[in-house]
Every structure is written in structure tokens, then in C-alpha cells.
């Protein structure tokens, strides 16, 4: 199936910033600060537009990958980025 959609101007939702974590950055009293691996930044390029196959023409992620991004761990985010990059490369020919 050819998924080369025509899109209207950007959605009003396309410029929303990601929600901030509600976790405090302050260490618990008497405890060592938590060591957490940084998560990958979103590959969003603010050109949000889905084709007929629900693939974003801007970043290459599927709609499900976009929806999963906020709760995805680092390994899942890496897999999403790799799949999205492959889609963009394939589309560009």
C-alpha cells in the first residue's frame, strides 16, 4: 500500500510540550540521589502530519509509537527511533 498522504496545516496539538515529571529532583533527606538513566528525547520535528498508514511524515513514527513514547523505556525508545528512521529513509528512496 502506498502511504503518501496529503496533509492539512499542522494540528494545534503539534506544538505541545511534553509533560514534566512530577517527581521531585531533590534527594530524600539522608539518602543518596537517585541515579536514573536519561531517556532519549522525542524525535518529533514539529511537522506532524499522518499519512494513510498513520505514519508521521515529519518524524517517521507510527501513531501507536507516538502514543507509546511517553511511557516507553530507553530500549523501546531506541527501537522506535530506529524503525522511524528506516521508514523515513525508505520514503526518501
Protein backbone atom coordinates (compact mmCIF):
# COMPACT_ATOMS: atom_id res chain seq x y z
CA UNK A 1 0.00 0.00 0.00
CA UNK A 2 1.28 3.43 -0.90
CA UNK A 3 1.08 5.67 2.14
CA UNK A 4 1.80 9.13 0.76
CA UNK A 5 -0.89 11.25 2.34
CA UNK A 6 -1.67 14.86 1.74
CA UNK A 7 -1.90 16.77 4.98
CA UNK A 8 -3.55 19.91 6.11
CA UNK A 9 -1.66 22.53 8.14
CA UNK A 10 -0.17 21.41 11.43
CA UNK A 11 -2.53 20.31 14.13
CA UNK A 12 -3.00 22.64 17.09
CA UNK A 13 -1.70 19.73 19.15
CA UNK A 14 1.62 19.56 17.27
CA UNK A 15 3.35 22.24 19.32
CA UNK A 16 2.52 20.95 22.78
CA UNK A 17 5.49 20.47 25.05
CA UNK A 18 5.88 17.10 26.81
CA UNK A 19 4.51 16.91 30.33
CA UNK A 20 7.06 17.44 33.06
CA UNK A 21 7.68 14.70 35.55
CA UNK A 22 6.02 15.16 38.90
CA UNK A 23 8.99 13.58 40.66
CA UNK A 24 10.99 15.97 42.74
CA UNK A 25 14.60 16.48 41.76
CA UNK A 26 15.50 16.92 45.40
CA UNK A 27 17.08 13.88 47.08
CA UNK A 28 15.26 12.37 50.02
CA UNK A 29 16.75 13.57 53.27
CA UNK A 30 19.67 11.39 54.31
CA UNK A 31 19.53 9.38 51.07
CA UNK A 32 21.75 9.32 48.02
CA UNK A 33 20.25 10.98 44.92
CA UNK A 34 18.55 8.52 42.60
CA UNK A 35 20.67 7.53 39.60
CA UNK A 36 18.37 7.27 36.60
CA UNK A 37 19.48 6.74 33.02
CA UNK A 38 18.38 9.64 30.84
CA UNK A 39 15.62 8.85 28.36
CA UNK A 40 16.00 9.60 24.67
CA UNK A 41 14.50 12.87 23.52
CA UNK A 42 11.49 12.69 21.25
CA UNK A 43 12.33 12.55 17.53
CA UNK A 44 9.43 14.93 16.84
CA UNK A 45 10.42 17.66 14.37
CA UNK A 46 7.14 19.62 14.76
CA UNK A 47 5.93 18.75 11.25
CA UNK A 48 3.18 16.46 12.50
CA UNK A 49 1.08 15.01 9.73
CA UNK A 50 -0.10 11.40 9.42
CA UNK A 51 -0.37 9.62 6.07
CA UNK A 52 -3.00 6.99 5.19
CA UNK A 53 -0.99 4.38 7.12
CA UNK A 54 -0.87 6.53 10.29
CA UNK A 55 2.84 7.27 9.87
CA UNK A 56 4.03 10.79 10.68
CA UNK A 57 5.55 12.48 7.65
CA UNK A 58 7.77 14.58 9.93
CA UNK A 59 9.44 12.04 12.23
CA UNK A 60 8.51 8.68 10.70
CA UNK A 61 6.85 7.23 13.81
CA UNK A 62 3.59 5.34 13.64
CA UNK A 63 0.62 6.69 15.54
CA UNK A 64 0.96 3.86 18.09
CA UNK A 65 4.66 4.66 18.56
CA UNK A 66 3.82 8.33 19.12
CA UNK A 67 1.20 7.38 21.70
CA UNK A 68 3.56 4.90 23.42
CA UNK A 69 6.50 7.32 23.58
CA UNK A 70 5.69 8.88 26.96
CA UNK A 71 5.64 5.57 28.80
CA UNK A 72 8.40 3.83 26.80
CA UNK A 73 11.69 2.90 28.42
CA UNK A 74 15.05 3.65 26.80
CA UNK A 75 15.22 0.34 24.89
CA UNK A 76 11.73 0.82 23.46
CA UNK A 77 12.51 4.43 22.52
CA UNK A 78 15.66 3.30 20.71
CA UNK A 79 13.64 0.70 18.78
CA UNK A 80 11.02 3.31 17.87
CA UNK A 81 13.71 5.73 16.64
CA UNK A 82 15.37 3.02 14.53
CA UNK A 83 12.08 1.97 12.95
CA UNK A 84 11.10 5.60 12.30
CA UNK A 85 14.46 6.36 10.69
CA UNK A 86 14.14 3.29 8.45
CA UNK A 87 10.67 4.46 7.34
CA UNK A 88 11.95 7.95 6.54
CA UNK A 89 14.91 6.53 4.59
CA UNK A 90 12.61 4.21 2.64
CA UNK A 91 10.22 7.06 1.86
CA UNK A 92 13.05 9.28 0.59
CA UNK A 93 14.15 6.47 -1.67
